[in-house]
Amino acid sequence: MFGLRKKPRIEAERLTLRLPAHHDYKQWADLRAGSADHLIPWEPVRAADHLSRRAFTNRVYWAARAEVQGTALPLMLIRREDNALLGAITLDNIRRGPVQAGTLGYWIGAPYARQGYMREAIQALVHHAFQVMDLSRIEAACLPENTPSRGVLEKCGFKYEGVAQSYLQINGRWRNHVLYANLRFDRRGKTEVG
């Protein structure tokens, strides 16, 4: 039955968001390697074999399992006009029951940064999470000085919620992160007049 399931595919204005596939390896490895200086300041330290085919194969299998199990939705950003792989976005740590929440993470290759692609991807994935997956809350975190990431989150309706101390190891150091959330039924700042 696994092979007969319809795999998630989310369409944005210029992008298709889909699970990673084995044939994405070369584009992914080239983009990650070519964007290393752009990505390293914002990401955890990667294993020495991070860009190997074997590591990518493991990523493809993990993505398929996580999607089927409902624990994560890891997607590649594919530009429709030329099938270029631009980056990735993941809705991870999906919790069900009374929480109905997930955590958003993303990266974009240096050649495609600041062109509105990540905004499109975030908006499309948040819409999917709220309307199709029936989640209620999407959380995101980034370094306080990551102005582009903070800006794209705010443009996509995420609201600042605070600071998490020593939240994540980035580039080998424990770093504070600013926390954001997007709520399906956002009532912050609204009151009932009765």
Protein backbone atom coordinates (compact mmCIF):
# COMPACT_ATOMS: atom_id res chain seq x y z
CA MET A 1 0.00 0.00 0.00
CA PHE A 2 2.96 2.34 0.68
CA GLY A 3 3.72 2.73 -3.04
CA LEU A 4 0.09 3.60 -3.85
CA ARG A 5 -0.15 6.54 -1.43
CA LYS A 6 -0.33 9.93 -3.05
CA LYS A 7 2.81 11.83 -2.12
CA PRO A 8 2.34 15.40 -0.93
CA ARG A 9 2.81 18.08 -3.54
CA ILE A 10 2.21 21.73 -2.71
CA GLU A 11 2.03 24.37 -5.41
CA ALA A 12 3.07 27.98 -4.83
CA GLU A 13 3.15 30.81 -7.37
CA ARG A 14 6.50 29.79 -8.94
CA LEU A 15 7.38 26.69 -6.95
CA THR A 16 6.46 23.10 -6.39
CA LEU A 17 7.17 21.75 -2.91
CA ARG A 18 7.68 17.99 -2.86
CA LEU A 19 9.50 15.25 -0.99
CA PRO A 20 13.17 14.78 -1.89
CA ALA A 21 13.93 12.10 -4.48
CA HIS A 22 17.13 10.22 -5.27
CA HIS A 23 17.51 12.09 -8.57
CA ASP A 24 17.79 15.40 -6.62
CA TYR A 25 21.20 14.45 -5.25
CA LYS A 26 23.49 16.27 -7.68
CA GLN A 27 21.50 19.53 -7.66
CA TRP A 28 21.20 19.39 -3.86
CA ALA A 29 24.90 18.64 -3.25
CA ASP A 30 26.03 21.31 -5.74
CA LEU A 31 23.69 23.92 -4.25
CA ARG A 32 24.67 23.12 -0.64
CA ALA A 33 28.39 23.15 -1.49
CA GLY A 34 28.13 26.36 -3.52
CA SER A 35 26.09 28.04 -0.77
CA ALA A 36 28.24 26.95 2.18
CA ASP A 37 29.42 30.48 3.08
CA HIS A 38 25.80 31.68 2.92
CA LEU A 39 24.46 28.82 5.11
CA ILE A 40 27.18 28.01 7.67
CA PRO A 41 26.55 31.04 9.94
CA TRP A 42 22.92 29.97 10.44
CA GLU A 43 23.08 26.17 10.68
CA PRO A 44 24.31 23.44 13.02
CA VAL A 45 27.71 21.94 12.21
CA ARG A 46 27.24 19.21 9.63
CA ALA A 47 28.88 15.79 9.58
CA ALA A 48 31.96 15.40 7.38
CA ASP A 49 29.96 13.23 4.96
CA HIS A 50 26.98 15.64 4.85
CA LEU A 51 27.22 16.07 1.07
CA SER A 52 27.79 12.40 0.23
CA ARG A 53 25.35 10.40 -1.86
CA ARG A 54 24.90 7.99 1.04
CA ALA A 55 23.90 10.81 3.41
CA PHE A 56 21.44 12.13 0.83
CA THR A 57 19.99 8.64 0.27
CA ASN A 58 19.43 8.39 4.03
CA ARG A 59 17.72 11.81 3.90
CA VAL A 60 15.37 10.63 1.13
CA TYR A 61 14.40 7.51 3.10
CA TRP A 62 13.97 9.51 6.33
CA ALA A 63 11.74 12.04 4.53
CA ALA A 64 9.48 9.31 3.14
CA ARG A 65 9.17 7.58 6.54
CA ALA A 66 8.58 10.82 8.43
CA GLU A 67 5.85 11.90 6.01
CA VAL A 68 4.06 8.53 6.22
CA GLN A 69 4.33 8.50 10.03
CA GLY A 70 3.09 12.09 10.22
CA THR A 71 6.07 13.31 12.25
CA ALA A 72 7.54 15.64 9.61
CA LEU A 73 6.95 17.00 6.12
CA PRO A 74 10.38 17.60 4.53
CA LEU A 75 10.05 19.25 1.12
CA MET A 76 12.33 20.46 -1.66
CA LEU A 77 11.68 23.82 -3.33
CA ILE A 78 11.56 23.22 -7.09
CA ARG A 79 11.20 26.18 -9.46
CA ARG A 80 8.65 25.10 -12.06
CA GLU A 81 10.03 27.11 -15.00
CA ASP A 82 13.29 25.10 -15.12
CA ASN A 83 13.03 22.39 -12.40
CA ALA A 84 15.87 24.01 -10.47
CA LEU A 85 16.20 22.97 -6.84
CA LEU A 86 16.33 26.21 -4.81
CA GLY A 87 16.37 24.99 -1.21
CA ALA A 88 14.26 23.07 1.27
CA ILE A 89 11.58 23.59 3.89
CA THR A 90 10.54 21.18 6.62
CA LEU A 91 7.59 21.07 8.96
CA ASP A 92 9.10 18.94 11.71
CA ASN A 93 8.27 17.86 15.24
CA ILE A 94 4.59 17.53 14.31
CA ARG A 95 2.52 16.97 17.43
CA ARG A 96 -1.11 15.85 17.42
CA GLY A 97 -3.86 15.65 20.00
CA PRO A 98 -4.51 18.78 22.02
CA VAL A 99 -1.39 20.50 20.60
CA GLN A 100 -1.81 20.22 16.78
CA ALA A 101 1.51 21.98 16.13
CA GLY A 102 4.72 21.72 14.16
CA THR A 103 8.09 23.45 13.85
CA LEU A 104 9.22 25.13 10.64
CA GLY A 105 12.79 25.04 9.34
CA TYR A 106 14.14 26.13 5.96
CA TRP A 107 17.16 27.07 3.89
CA ILE A 108 17.65 28.57 0.45
CA GLY A 109 20.68 28.46 -1.82
CA ALA A 110 22.70 31.66 -2.12
CA PRO A 111 21.82 32.30 -5.80
CA TYR A 112 18.09 32.32 -4.96
CA ALA A 113 18.09 34.32 -1.72
CA ARG A 114 16.13 37.58 -1.44
CA GLN A 115 13.90 36.85 -4.48
CA GLY A 116 10.67 35.96 -2.65
CA TYR A 117 10.97 32.20 -3.12
CA MET A 118 11.10 31.37 0.59
CA ARG A 119 8.14 33.65 1.30
CA GLU A 120 6.11 31.71 -1.31
CA ALA A 121 7.23 28.38 0.15
CA ILE A 122 6.44 29.34 3.75
CA GLN A 123 3.01 30.71 2.84
CA ALA A 124 2.15 27.59 0.82
CA LEU A 125 3.32 25.19 3.53
CA VAL A 126 1.55 27.10 6.32
CA HIS A 127 -1.68 27.09 4.29
CA HIS A 128 -1.28 23.32 3.73
CA ALA A 129 -0.54 22.75 7.43
CA PHE A 130 -3.66 24.64 8.52
CA GLN A 131 -6.12 23.60 5.80
CA VAL A 132 -5.03 20.04 4.92
CA MET A 133 -3.16 18.79 7.98
CA ASP A 134 -5.49 20.57 10.45
CA LEU A 135 -2.64 21.97 12.54
CA SER A 136 -3.32 24.93 14.79
CA ARG A 137 0.16 26.33 15.45
CA ILE A 138 3.37 26.58 13.42
CA GLU A 139 6.50 27.57 15.32
CA ALA A 140 9.83 28.86 13.98
CA ALA A 141 13.07 30.04 15.52
CA CYS A 142 16.08 31.91 14.16
CA LEU A 143 19.14 33.76 15.34
CA PRO A 144 18.35 37.30 16.51
CA GLU A 145 20.75 38.82 13.95
CA ASN A 146 19.29 36.85 11.02
CA THR A 147 17.36 39.82 9.69
CA PRO A 148 16.31 38.18 6.39
CA SER A 149 14.85 35.15 8.18
CA ARG A 150 13.04 37.30 10.73
CA GLY A 151 11.68 39.47 7.92
CA VAL A 152 10.32 36.57 5.88
CA LEU A 153 8.64 35.07 8.94
CA GLU A 154 6.99 38.38 9.78
CA LYS A 155 5.85 38.89 6.15
CA CYS A 156 4.27 35.43 6.33
CA GLY A 157 2.18 36.26 9.41
CA PHE A 158 4.45 34.88 12.14
CA LYS A 159 4.50 36.89 15.35
CA TYR A 160 7.42 37.29 17.73
CA GLU A 161 6.93 35.37 20.98
CA GLY A 162 10.22 35.72 22.84
CA VAL A 163 13.76 34.45 23.21
CA ALA A 164 14.91 30.90 23.92
CA GLN A 165 18.26 30.85 25.71
CA SER A 166 20.91 28.45 24.32
CA TYR A 167 18.23 27.02 22.04
CA LEU A 168 20.37 25.35 19.39
CA GLN A 169 24.01 24.76 18.52
CA ILE A 170 24.78 26.89 15.48
CA ASN A 171 28.16 26.75 13.79
CA GLY A 172 29.51 24.94 16.89
CA ARG A 173 28.18 27.30 19.61
CA TRP A 174 25.03 27.24 21.75
CA ARG A 175 23.02 30.25 20.59
CA ASN A 176 19.93 32.10 21.74
CA HIS A 177 17.09 32.17 19.21
CA VAL A 178 14.09 34.42 18.73
CA LEU A 179 10.84 32.47 18.66
CA TYR A 180 7.96 33.09 16.28
CA ALA A 181 4.58 31.43 15.79
CA ASN A 182 1.76 31.52 13.27
CA LEU A 183 -1.63 30.53 14.65
CA ARG A 184 -4.50 29.19 12.57
CA PHE A 185 -7.02 31.20 14.53
CA ASP A 186 -4.90 34.10 15.73
CA ARG A 187 -6.65 36.04 18.48
CA ARG A 188 -3.58 37.74 19.94
CA GLY A 189 -4.37 41.37 20.56
CA LYS A 190 -8.12 40.84 20.00
CA THR A 191 -10.77 41.00 22.67
CA GLU A 192 -14.39 39.99 22.81
CA VAL A 193 -16.70 42.97 23.14
CA GLY A 194 -19.82 41.92 24.83
